[in-house]
Amino acid sequence: RQLKNEGVSVVFVSHKLDELYAVCDRVTIMRDGRTITT
C-alpha cells in the first residue's frame, strides 16, 4: 500500500483468493496461454 501511495505499481501473483481481495485493485485471469478476463 505504501508503494501504491508513492505511485509504484505492483503485479501480484498469488493463488490465495483472500489475499487478492485484501490488496489488489484489478485482476487478470489467464488460462491455456490466453487472457480470459480483466
PDB file of all heavy atoms in Angstrom:
ATOM      1  N   ARG A   1       0.832  -1.205   0.000  1.00  0.00           N
ATOM      2  CA  ARG A   1       0.000   0.000   0.000  1.00  0.00           C
ATOM      3  C   ARG A   1       0.871   1.262   0.000  1.00  0.00           C
ATOM      4  O   ARG A   1       0.516   2.263  -0.631  1.00  0.00           O
ATOM      5  CB  ARG A   1      -0.935  -0.014   1.211  1.00  0.00           C
ATOM      6  CG  ARG A   1      -1.979  -1.140   1.122  1.00  0.00           C
ATOM      7  CD  ARG A   1      -2.925  -1.158   2.314  1.00  0.00           C
ATOM      8  NE  ARG A   1      -3.783  -2.329   2.279  1.00  0.00           N
ATOM      9  CZ  ARG A   1      -3.692  -3.364   3.108  1.00  0.00           C
ATOM     10  NH1 ARG A   1      -2.781  -3.353   4.067  1.00  0.00           N
ATOM     11  NH2 ARG A   1      -4.502  -4.396   2.996  1.00  0.00           N
ATOM     12  N   GLN A   2       1.998   1.213   0.710  1.00  0.00           N
ATOM     13  CA  GLN A   2       2.946   2.337   0.682  1.00  0.00           C
ATOM     14  C   GLN A   2       3.443   2.580  -0.742  1.00  0.00           C
ATOM     15  O   GLN A   2       3.483   3.717  -1.221  1.00  0.00           O
ATOM     16  CB  GLN A   2       4.161   2.026   1.572  1.00  0.00           C
ATOM     17  CG  GLN A   2       3.950   2.227   3.054  1.00  0.00           C
ATOM     18  CD  GLN A   2       5.234   1.900   3.823  1.00  0.00           C
ATOM     19  OE1 GLN A   2       6.333   2.171   3.355  1.00  0.00           O
ATOM     20  NE2 GLN A   2       5.075   1.297   4.991  1.00  0.00           N
ATOM     21  N   LEU A   3       3.829   1.488  -1.405  1.00  0.00           N
ATOM     22  CA  LEU A   3       4.333   1.597  -2.780  1.00  0.00           C
ATOM     23  C   LEU A   3       3.270   2.219  -3.683  1.00  0.00           C
ATOM     24  O   LEU A   3       3.556   3.094  -4.505  1.00  0.00           O
ATOM     25  CB  LEU A   3       4.727   0.219  -3.314  1.00  0.00           C
ATOM     26  CG  LEU A   3       5.950  -0.444  -2.672  1.00  0.00           C
ATOM     27  CD1 LEU A   3       6.107  -1.885  -3.173  1.00  0.00           C
ATOM     28  CD2 LEU A   3       7.220   0.345  -2.971  1.00  0.00           C
ATOM     29  N   LYS A   4       2.036   1.761  -3.504  1.00  0.00           N
ATOM     30  CA  LYS A   4       0.938   2.292  -4.310  1.00  0.00           C
ATOM     31  C   LYS A   4       0.768   3.796  -4.076  1.00  0.00           C
ATOM     32  O   LYS A   4       0.613   4.564  -5.032  1.00  0.00           O
ATOM     33  CB  LYS A   4      -0.357   1.540  -3.960  1.00  0.00           C
ATOM     34  CG  LYS A   4      -1.577   2.043  -4.694  1.00  0.00           C
ATOM     35  CD  LYS A   4      -2.822   1.292  -4.264  1.00  0.00           C
ATOM     36  CE  LYS A   4      -4.059   1.918  -4.871  1.00  0.00           C
ATOM     37  NZ  LYS A   4      -5.302   1.231  -4.463  1.00  0.00           N
ATOM     38  N   ASN A   5       0.834   4.221  -2.818  1.00  0.00           N
ATOM     39  CA  ASN A   5       0.702   5.648  -2.497  1.00  0.00           C
ATOM     40  C   ASN A   5       1.833   6.482  -3.089  1.00  0.00           C
ATOM     41  O   ASN A   5       1.669   7.677  -3.349  1.00  0.00           O
ATOM     42  CB  ASN A   5       0.652   5.839  -0.974  1.00  0.00           C
ATOM     43  CG  ASN A   5      -0.633   5.294  -0.367  1.00  0.00           C
ATOM     44  OD1 ASN A   5      -1.641   5.172  -1.056  1.00  0.00           O
ATOM     45  ND2 ASN A   5      -0.595   4.955   0.912  1.00  0.00           N
ATOM     46  N   GLU A   6       2.987   5.855  -3.282  1.00  0.00           N
ATOM     47  CA  GLU A   6       4.138   6.548  -3.866  1.00  0.00           C
ATOM     48  C   GLU A   6       4.130   6.502  -5.393  1.00  0.00           C
ATOM     49  O   GLU A   6       5.061   6.963  -6.041  1.00  0.00           O
ATOM     50  CB  GLU A   6       5.435   5.922  -3.333  1.00  0.00           C
ATOM     51  CG  GLU A   6       5.645   6.150  -1.841  1.00  0.00           C
ATOM     52  CD  GLU A   6       6.741   5.271  -1.262  1.00  0.00           C
ATOM     53  OE1 GLU A   6       7.459   4.612  -2.052  1.00  0.00           O
ATOM     54  OE2 GLU A   6       6.884   5.229  -0.025  1.00  0.00           O
ATOM     55  N   GLY A   7       3.073   5.908  -5.967  1.00  0.00           N
ATOM     56  CA  GLY A   7       2.945   5.847  -7.421  1.00  0.00           C
ATOM     57  C   GLY A   7       3.587   4.646  -8.066  1.00  0.00           C
ATOM     58  O   GLY A   7       3.610   4.519  -9.290  1.00  0.00           O
ATOM     59  N   VAL A   8       4.116   3.699  -7.242  1.00  0.00           N
ATOM     60  CA  VAL A   8       4.714   2.477  -7.782  1.00  0.00           C
ATOM     61  C   VAL A   8       3.610   1.454  -8.027  1.00  0.00           C
ATOM     62  O   VAL A   8       2.713   1.278  -7.195  1.00  0.00           O
ATOM     63  CB  VAL A   8       5.759   1.896  -6.799  1.00  0.00           C
ATOM     64  CG1 VAL A   8       6.345   0.597  -7.337  1.00  0.00           C
ATOM     65  CG2 VAL A   8       6.864   2.910  -6.545  1.00  0.00           C
ATOM     66  N   SER A   9       3.672   0.788  -9.170  1.00  0.00           N
ATOM     67  CA  SER A   9       2.688  -0.245  -9.496  1.00  0.00           C
ATOM     68  C   SER A   9       3.201  -1.615  -9.065  1.00  0.00           C
ATOM     69  O   SER A   9       4.412  -1.859  -9.048  1.00  0.00           O
ATOM     70  CB  SER A   9       2.397  -0.256 -10.991  1.00  0.00           C
ATOM     71  OG  SER A   9       1.875   0.991 -11.403  1.00  0.00           O
ATOM     72  N   VAL A  10       2.280  -2.517  -8.721  1.00  0.00           N
ATOM     73  CA  VAL A  10       2.648  -3.863  -8.277  1.00  0.00           C
ATOM     74  C   VAL A  10       1.826  -4.888  -9.041  1.00  0.00           C
ATOM     75  O   VAL A  10       0.602  -4.759  -9.151  1.00  0.00           O
ATOM     76  CB  VAL A  10       2.399  -4.038  -6.758  1.00  0.00           C
ATOM     77  CG1 VAL A  10       2.694  -5.474  -6.325  1.00  0.00           C
ATOM     78  CG2 VAL A  10       3.250  -3.060  -5.946  1.00  0.00           C
ATOM     79  N   VAL A  11       2.511  -5.885  -9.603  1.00  0.00           N
ATOM     80  CA  VAL A  11       1.837  -7.061 -10.171  1.00  0.00           C
ATOM     81  C   VAL A  11       1.926  -8.148  -9.115  1.00  0.00           C
ATOM     82  O   VAL A  11       3.025  -8.544  -8.698  1.00  0.00           O
ATOM     83  CB  VAL A  11       2.492  -7.519 -11.483  1.00  0.00           C
ATOM     84  CG1 VAL A  11       1.861  -8.838 -11.955  1.00  0.00           C
ATOM     85  CG2 VAL A  11       2.350  -6.452 -12.550  1.00  0.00           C
ATOM     86  N   PHE A  12       0.786  -8.615  -8.656  1.00  0.00           N
ATOM     87  CA  PHE A  12       0.715  -9.545  -7.526  1.00  0.00           C
ATOM     88  C   PHE A  12       0.232 -10.901  -8.028  1.00  0.00           C
ATOM     89  O   PHE A  12      -0.927 -11.059  -8.404  1.00  0.00           O
ATOM     90  CB  PHE A  12      -0.237  -8.971  -6.476  1.00  0.00           C
ATOM     91  CG  PHE A  12      -0.221  -9.672  -5.156  1.00  0.00           C
ATOM     92  CD1 PHE A  12       0.763  -9.396  -4.213  1.00  0.00           C
ATOM     93  CD2 PHE A  12      -1.189 -10.604  -4.829  1.00  0.00           C
ATOM     94  CE1 PHE A  12       0.770 -10.031  -2.977  1.00  0.00           C
ATOM     95  CE2 PHE A  12      -1.192 -11.248  -3.608  1.00  0.00           C
ATOM     96  CZ  PHE A  12      -0.212 -10.962  -2.673  1.00  0.00           C
ATOM     97  N   VAL A  13       1.143 -11.876  -8.060  1.00  0.00           N
ATOM     98  CA  VAL A  13       0.799 -13.231  -8.499  1.00  0.00           C
ATOM     99  C   VAL A  13       0.575 -14.083  -7.256  1.00  0.00           C
ATOM    100  O   VAL A  13       1.479 -14.243  -6.432  1.00  0.00           O
ATOM    101  CB  VAL A  13       1.925 -13.847  -9.360  1.00  0.00           C
ATOM    102  CG1 VAL A  13       1.525 -15.244  -9.842  1.00  0.00           C
ATOM    103  CG2 VAL A  13       2.246 -12.948 -10.543  1.00  0.00           C
ATOM    104  N   SER A  14      -0.631 -14.617  -7.091  1.00  0.00           N
ATOM    105  CA  SER A  14      -0.931 -15.423  -5.905  1.00  0.00           C
ATOM    106  C   SER A  14      -2.078 -16.374  -6.209  1.00  0.00           C
ATOM    107  O   SER A  14      -2.931 -16.099  -7.055  1.00  0.00           O
ATOM    108  CB  SER A  14      -1.309 -14.518  -4.729  1.00  0.00           C
ATOM    109  OG  SER A  14      -1.648 -15.290  -3.596  1.00  0.00           O
ATOM    110  N   HIS A  15      -2.069 -17.515  -5.517  1.00  0.00           N
ATOM    111  CA  HIS A  15      -3.191 -18.444  -5.657  1.00  0.00           C
ATOM    112  C   HIS A  15      -4.166 -18.315  -4.488  1.00  0.00           C
ATOM    113  O   HIS A  15      -5.164 -19.020  -4.422  1.00  0.00           O
ATOM    114  CB  HIS A  15      -2.674 -19.890  -5.727  1.00  0.00           C
ATOM    115  CG  HIS A  15      -1.874 -20.282  -4.523  1.00  0.00           C
ATOM    116  ND1 HIS A  15      -0.495 -20.273  -4.514  1.00  0.00           N
ATOM    117  CD2 HIS A  15      -2.242 -20.676  -3.286  1.00  0.00           C
ATOM    118  CE1 HIS A  15      -0.060 -20.658  -3.325  1.00  0.00           C
ATOM    119  NE2 HIS A  15      -1.100 -20.902  -2.569  1.00  0.00           N
ATOM    120  N   LYS A  16      -3.867 -17.398  -3.546  1.00  0.00           N
ATOM    121  CA  LYS A  16      -4.710 -17.229  -2.367  1.00  0.00           C
ATOM    122  C   LYS A  16      -5.742 -16.126  -2.636  1.00  0.00           C
ATOM    123  O   LYS A  16      -5.422 -14.946  -2.646  1.00  0.00           O
ATOM    124  CB  LYS A  16      -3.852 -16.895  -1.151  1.00  0.00           C
ATOM    125  CG  LYS A  16      -2.852 -18.006  -0.815  1.00  0.00           C
ATOM    126  CD  LYS A  16      -1.984 -17.631   0.368  1.00  0.00           C
ATOM    127  CE  LYS A  16      -0.998 -18.749   0.694  1.00  0.00           C
ATOM    128  NZ  LYS A  16      -0.107 -18.401   1.827  1.00  0.00           N
ATOM    129  N   LEU A  17      -6.976 -16.531  -2.837  1.00  0.00           N
ATOM    130  CA  LEU A  17      -8.021 -15.596  -3.259  1.00  0.00           C
ATOM    131  C   LEU A  17      -8.256 -14.488  -2.236  1.00  0.00           C
ATOM    132  O   LEU A  17      -8.479 -13.333  -2.609  1.00  0.00           O
ATOM    133  CB  LEU A  17      -9.327 -16.348  -3.519  1.00  0.00           C
ATOM    134  CG  LEU A  17      -9.278 -17.462  -4.571  1.00  0.00           C
ATOM    135  CD1 LEU A  17     -10.687 -17.967  -4.855  1.00  0.00           C
ATOM    136  CD2 LEU A  17      -8.627 -16.992  -5.860  1.00  0.00           C
ATOM    137  N   ASP A  18      -8.215 -14.824  -0.947  1.00  0.00           N
ATOM    138  CA  ASP A  18      -8.459 -13.801   0.079  1.00  0.00           C
ATOM    139  C   ASP A  18      -7.436 -12.675  -0.010  1.00  0.00           C
ATOM    140  O   ASP A  18      -7.758 -11.504   0.233  1.00  0.00           O
ATOM    141  CB  ASP A  18      -8.419 -14.430   1.478  1.00  0.00           C
ATOM    142  CG  ASP A  18      -9.592 -15.377   1.717  1.00  0.00           C
ATOM    143  OD1 ASP A  18     -10.610 -15.222   1.021  1.00  0.00           O
ATOM    144  OD2 ASP A  18      -9.485 -16.262   2.583  1.00  0.00           O
ATOM    145  N   GLU A  19      -6.182 -13.028  -0.350  1.00  0.00           N
ATOM    146  CA  GLU A  19      -5.139 -12.016  -0.462  1.00  0.00           C
ATOM    147  C   GLU A  19      -5.422 -11.058  -1.610  1.00  0.00           C
ATOM    148  O   GLU A  19      -5.168  -9.861  -1.515  1.00  0.00           O
ATOM    149  CB  GLU A  19      -3.781 -12.686  -0.671  1.00  0.00           C
ATOM    150  CG  GLU A  19      -3.295 -13.467   0.529  1.00  0.00           C
ATOM    151  CD  GLU A  19      -1.920 -14.067   0.318  1.00  0.00           C
ATOM    152  OE1 GLU A  19      -1.384 -13.988  -0.798  1.00  0.00           O
ATOM    153  OE2 GLU A  19      -1.386 -14.632   1.283  1.00  0.00           O
ATOM    154  N   LEU A  20      -5.959 -11.583  -2.698  1.00  0.00           N
ATOM    155  CA  LEU A  20      -6.264 -10.737  -3.859  1.00  0.00           C
ATOM    156  C   LEU A  20      -7.260  -9.651  -3.474  1.00  0.00           C
ATOM    157  O   LEU A  20      -7.088  -8.476  -3.817  1.00  0.00           O
ATOM    158  CB  LEU A  20      -6.831 -11.571  -5.003  1.00  0.00           C
ATOM    159  CG  LEU A  20      -6.029 -12.806  -5.462  1.00  0.00           C
ATOM    160  CD1 LEU A  20      -6.683 -13.427  -6.683  1.00  0.00           C
ATOM    161  CD2 LEU A  20      -4.586 -12.454  -5.762  1.00  0.00           C
ATOM    162  N   TYR A  21      -8.302 -10.057  -2.760  1.00  0.00           N
ATOM    163  CA  TYR A  21      -9.338  -9.093  -2.376  1.00  0.00           C
ATOM    164  C   TYR A  21      -8.832  -8.122  -1.310  1.00  0.00           C
ATOM    165  O   TYR A  21      -9.355  -7.016  -1.180  1.00  0.00           O
ATOM    166  CB  TYR A  21     -10.590  -9.828  -1.880  1.00  0.00           C
ATOM    167  CG  TYR A  21     -11.382 -10.447  -3.011  1.00  0.00           C
ATOM    168  CD1 TYR A  21     -11.158 -11.767  -3.395  1.00  0.00           C
ATOM    169  CD2 TYR A  21     -12.331  -9.709  -3.712  1.00  0.00           C
ATOM    170  CE1 TYR A  21     -11.856 -12.345  -4.444  1.00  0.00           C
ATOM    171  CE2 TYR A  21     -13.043 -10.270  -4.762  1.00  0.00           C
ATOM    172  CZ  TYR A  21     -12.800 -11.580  -5.128  1.00  0.00           C
ATOM    173  OH  TYR A  21     -13.489 -12.145  -6.184  1.00  0.00           O
ATOM    174  N   ALA A  22      -7.813  -8.516  -0.555  1.00  0.00           N
ATOM    175  CA  ALA A  22      -7.302  -7.654   0.510  1.00  0.00           C
ATOM    176  C   ALA A  22      -6.443  -6.521  -0.023  1.00  0.00           C
ATOM    177  O   ALA A  22      -6.413  -5.439   0.560  1.00  0.00           O
ATOM    178  CB  ALA A  22      -6.495  -8.492   1.508  1.00  0.00           C
ATOM    179  N   VAL A  23      -5.737  -6.764  -1.142  1.00  0.00           N
ATOM    180  CA  VAL A  23      -4.707  -5.791  -1.521  1.00  0.00           C
ATOM    181  C   VAL A  23      -4.755  -5.341  -2.986  1.00  0.00           C
ATOM    182  O   VAL A  23      -4.120  -4.349  -3.337  1.00  0.00           O
ATOM    183  CB  VAL A  23      -3.316  -6.384  -1.186  1.00  0.00           C
ATOM    184  CG1 VAL A  23      -2.880  -7.402  -2.221  1.00  0.00           C
ATOM    185  CG2 VAL A  23      -2.274  -5.301  -1.000  1.00  0.00           C
ATOM    186  N   CYS A  24      -5.509  -6.024  -3.840  1.00  0.00           N
ATOM    187  CA  CYS A  24      -5.456  -5.736  -5.288  1.00  0.00           C
ATOM    188  C   CYS A  24      -6.613  -4.845  -5.754  1.00  0.00           C
ATOM    189  O   CYS A  24      -7.727  -4.911  -5.215  1.00  0.00           O
ATOM    190  CB  CYS A  24      -5.448  -7.034  -6.094  1.00  0.00           C
ATOM    191  SG  CYS A  24      -4.006  -8.051  -5.758  1.00  0.00           S
ATOM    192  N   ASP A  25      -6.331  -4.059  -6.785  1.00  0.00           N
ATOM    193  CA  ASP A  25      -7.348  -3.194  -7.384  1.00  0.00           C
ATOM    194  C   ASP A  25      -8.063  -3.890  -8.543  1.00  0.00           C
ATOM    195  O   ASP A  25      -9.276  -3.805  -8.682  1.00  0.00           O
ATOM    196  CB  ASP A  25      -6.699  -1.902  -7.911  1.00  0.00           C
ATOM    197  CG  ASP A  25      -5.993  -1.137  -6.818  1.00  0.00           C
ATOM    198  OD1 ASP A  25      -6.635  -0.839  -5.798  1.00  0.00           O
ATOM    199  OD2 ASP A  25      -4.786  -0.848  -6.969  1.00  0.00           O
ATOM    200  N   ARG A  26      -7.256  -4.553  -9.380  1.00  0.00           N
ATOM    201  CA  ARG A  26      -7.821  -5.268 -10.539  1.00  0.00           C
ATOM    202  C   ARG A  26      -7.196  -6.654 -10.618  1.00  0.00           C
ATOM    203  O   ARG A  26      -6.182  -6.944  -9.993  1.00  0.00           O
ATOM    204  CB  ARG A  26      -7.557  -4.513 -11.845  1.00  0.00           C
ATOM    205  CG  ARG A  26      -8.400  -3.265 -12.034  1.00  0.00           C
ATOM    206  CD  ARG A  26      -8.336  -2.786 -13.498  1.00  0.00           C
ATOM    207  NE  ARG A  26      -6.975  -2.498 -13.945  1.00  0.00           N
ATOM    208  CZ  ARG A  26      -6.601  -2.516 -15.217  1.00  0.00           C
ATOM    209  NH1 ARG A  26      -7.464  -2.836 -16.169  1.00  0.00           N
ATOM    210  NH2 ARG A  26      -5.352  -2.206 -15.545  1.00  0.00           N
ATOM    211  N   VAL A  27      -7.827  -7.520 -11.437  1.00  0.00           N
ATOM    212  CA  VAL A  27      -7.320  -8.879 -11.617  1.00  0.00           C
ATOM    213  C   VAL A  27      -7.380  -9.254 -13.097  1.00  0.00           C
ATOM    214  O   VAL A  27      -8.337  -8.902 -13.800  1.00  0.00           O
ATOM    215  CB  VAL A  27      -8.132  -9.890 -10.772  1.00  0.00           C
ATOM    216  CG1 VAL A  27      -9.618  -9.888 -11.158  1.00  0.00           C
ATOM    217  CG2 VAL A  27      -7.563 -11.302 -10.918  1.00  0.00           C
ATOM    218  N   THR A  28      -6.344  -9.934 -13.559  1.00  0.00           N
ATOM    219  CA  THR A  28      -6.337 -10.524 -14.894  1.00  0.00           C
ATOM    220  C   THR A  28      -6.233 -12.037 -14.731  1.00  0.00           C
ATOM    221  O   THR A  28      -5.354 -12.530 -14.013  1.00  0.00           O
ATOM    222  CB  THR A  28      -5.160 -10.006 -15.736  1.00  0.00           C
ATOM    223  OG1 THR A  28      -5.390  -8.627 -16.049  1.00  0.00           O
ATOM    224  CG2 THR A  28      -5.018 -10.782 -17.037  1.00  0.00           C
ATOM    225  N   ILE A  29      -7.148 -12.756 -15.368  1.00  0.00           N
ATOM    226  CA  ILE A  29      -7.190 -14.218 -15.270  1.00  0.00           C
ATOM    227  C   ILE A  29      -6.696 -14.817 -16.586  1.00  0.00           C
ATOM    228  O   ILE A  29      -7.158 -14.435 -17.670  1.00  0.00           O
ATOM    229  CB  ILE A  29      -8.624 -14.712 -14.981  1.00  0.00           C
ATOM    230  CG1 ILE A  29      -9.152 -14.078 -13.691  1.00  0.00           C
ATOM    231  CG2 ILE A  29      -8.656 -16.240 -14.878  1.00  0.00           C
ATOM    232  CD1 ILE A  29     -10.633 -14.262 -13.473  1.00  0.00           C
ATOM    233  N   MET A  30      -5.750 -15.760 -16.478  1.00  0.00           N
ATOM    234  CA  MET A  30      -5.221 -16.439 -17.669  1.00  0.00           C
ATOM    235  C   MET A  30      -5.573 -17.925 -17.615  1.00  0.00           C
ATOM    236  O   MET A  30      -5.708 -18.512 -16.545  1.00  0.00           O
ATOM    237  CB  MET A  30      -3.700 -16.270 -17.751  1.00  0.00           C
ATOM    238  CG  MET A  30      -3.250 -14.835 -17.941  1.00  0.00           C
ATOM    239  SD  MET A  30      -1.485 -14.718 -18.316  1.00  0.00           S
ATOM    240  CE  MET A  30      -1.454 -15.404 -20.001  1.00  0.00           C
ATOM    241  N   ARG A  31      -5.736 -18.496 -18.816  1.00  0.00           N
ATOM    242  CA  ARG A  31      -5.991 -19.931 -18.936  1.00  0.00           C
ATOM    243  C   ARG A  31      -5.492 -20.413 -20.289  1.00  0.00           C
ATOM    244  O   ARG A  31      -5.770 -19.788 -21.315  1.00  0.00           O
ATOM    245  CB  ARG A  31      -7.497 -20.235 -18.790  1.00  0.00           C
ATOM    246  CG  ARG A  31      -7.809 -21.722 -18.717  1.00  0.00           C
ATOM    247  CD  ARG A  31      -9.283 -21.991 -18.477  1.00  0.00           C
ATOM    248  NE  ARG A  31     -10.119 -21.670 -19.625  1.00  0.00           N
ATOM    249  CZ  ARG A  31     -11.033 -20.732 -19.657  1.00  0.00           C
ATOM    250  NH1 ARG A  31     -11.245 -19.981 -18.582  1.00  0.00           N
ATOM    251  NH2 ARG A  31     -11.749 -20.509 -20.734  1.00  0.00           N
ATOM    252  N   ASP A  32      -4.712 -21.481 -20.276  1.00  0.00           N
ATOM    253  CA  ASP A  32      -4.190 -22.075 -21.514  1.00  0.00           C
ATOM    254  C   ASP A  32      -3.458 -21.067 -22.386  1.00  0.00           C
ATOM    255  O   ASP A  32      -3.599 -21.063 -23.613  1.00  0.00           O
ATOM    256  CB  ASP A  32      -5.321 -22.733 -22.318  1.00  0.00           C
ATOM    257  CG  ASP A  32      -6.001 -23.855 -21.541  1.00  0.00           C
ATOM    258  OD1 ASP A  32      -5.323 -24.498 -20.725  1.00  0.00           O
ATOM    259  OD2 ASP A  32      -7.204 -24.077 -21.754  1.00  0.00           O
ATOM    260  N   GLY A  33      -2.684 -20.179 -21.752  1.00  0.00           N
ATOM    261  CA  GLY A  33      -1.871 -19.231 -22.502  1.00  0.00           C
ATOM    262  C   GLY A  33      -2.617 -18.014 -23.018  1.00  0.00           C
ATOM    263  O   GLY A  33      -2.042 -17.187 -23.723  1.00  0.00           O
ATOM    264  N   ARG A  34      -3.886 -17.889 -22.674  1.00  0.00           N
ATOM    265  CA  ARG A  34      -4.704 -16.769 -23.152  1.00  0.00           C
ATOM    266  C   ARG A  34      -5.200 -15.920 -21.981  1.00  0.00           C
ATOM    267  O   ARG A  34      -5.375 -16.419 -20.872  1.00  0.00           O
ATOM    268  CB  ARG A  34      -5.913 -17.280 -23.941  1.00  0.00           C
ATOM    269  CG  ARG A  34      -5.538 -18.077 -25.183  1.00  0.00           C
ATOM    270  CD  ARG A  34      -6.786 -18.591 -25.894  1.00  0.00           C
ATOM    271  NE  ARG A  34      -6.432 -19.386 -27.066  1.00  0.00           N
ATOM    272  CZ  ARG A  34      -6.182 -18.878 -28.265  1.00  0.00           C
ATOM    273  NH1 ARG A  34      -6.282 -17.570 -28.445  1.00  0.00           N
ATOM    274  NH2 ARG A  34      -5.866 -19.663 -29.276  1.00  0.00           N
ATOM    275  N   THR A  35      -5.448 -14.657 -22.248  1.00  0.00           N
ATOM    276  CA  THR A  35      -6.060 -13.774 -21.259  1.00  0.00           C
ATOM    277  C   THR A  35      -7.568 -13.960 -21.339  1.00  0.00           C
ATOM    278  O   THR A  35      -8.175 -13.715 -22.385  1.00  0.00           O
ATOM    279  CB  THR A  35      -5.693 -12.309 -21.530  1.00  0.00           C
ATOM    280  OG1 THR A  35      -4.270 -12.179 -21.498  1.00  0.00           O
ATOM    281  CG2 THR A  35      -6.303 -11.394 -20.481  1.00  0.00           C
ATOM    282  N   ILE A  36      -8.168 -14.421 -20.252  1.00  0.00           N
ATOM    283  CA  ILE A  36      -9.600 -14.737 -20.247  1.00  0.00           C
ATOM    284  C   ILE A  36     -10.432 -13.503 -19.903  1.00  0.00           C
ATOM    285  O   ILE A  36     -11.411 -13.191 -20.565  1.00  0.00           O
ATOM    286  CB  ILE A  36      -9.898 -15.879 -19.259  1.00  0.00           C
ATOM    287  CG1 ILE A  36      -9.100 -17.129 -19.645  1.00  0.00           C
ATOM    288  CG2 ILE A  36     -11.387 -16.187 -19.223  1.00  0.00           C
ATOM    289  CD1 ILE A  36      -9.331 -17.616 -21.059  1.00  0.00           C
ATOM    290  N   THR A  37     -10.015 -12.806 -18.857  1.00  0.00           N
ATOM    291  CA  THR A  37     -10.771 -11.616 -18.459  1.00  0.00           C
ATOM    292  C   THR A  37      -9.925 -10.715 -17.567  1.00  0.00           C
ATOM    293  O   THR A  37      -9.000 -11.176 -16.903  1.00  0.00           O
ATOM    294  CB  THR A  37     -12.074 -12.002 -17.704  1.00  0.00           C
ATOM    295  OG1 THR A  37     -12.871 -10.854 -17.494  1.00  0.00           O
ATOM    296  CG2 THR A  37     -11.757 -12.629 -16.355  1.00  0.00           C
ATOM    297  N   THR A  38     -10.237  -9.437 -17.591  1.00  0.00           N
ATOM    298  CA  THR A  38      -9.654  -8.461 -16.659  1.00  0.00           C
ATOM    299  C   THR A  38     -10.813  -7.696 -16.036  1.00  0.00           C
ATOM    300  O   THR A  38     -11.716  -7.246 -16.753  1.00  0.00           O
ATOM    301  CB  THR A  38      -8.704  -7.491 -17.380  1.00  0.00           C
ATOM    302  OG1 THR A  38      -7.582  -8.225 -17.901  1.00  0.00           O
ATOM    303  CG2 THR A  38      -8.185  -6.424 -16.425  1.00  0.00           C
TER     304      THR A  38
END
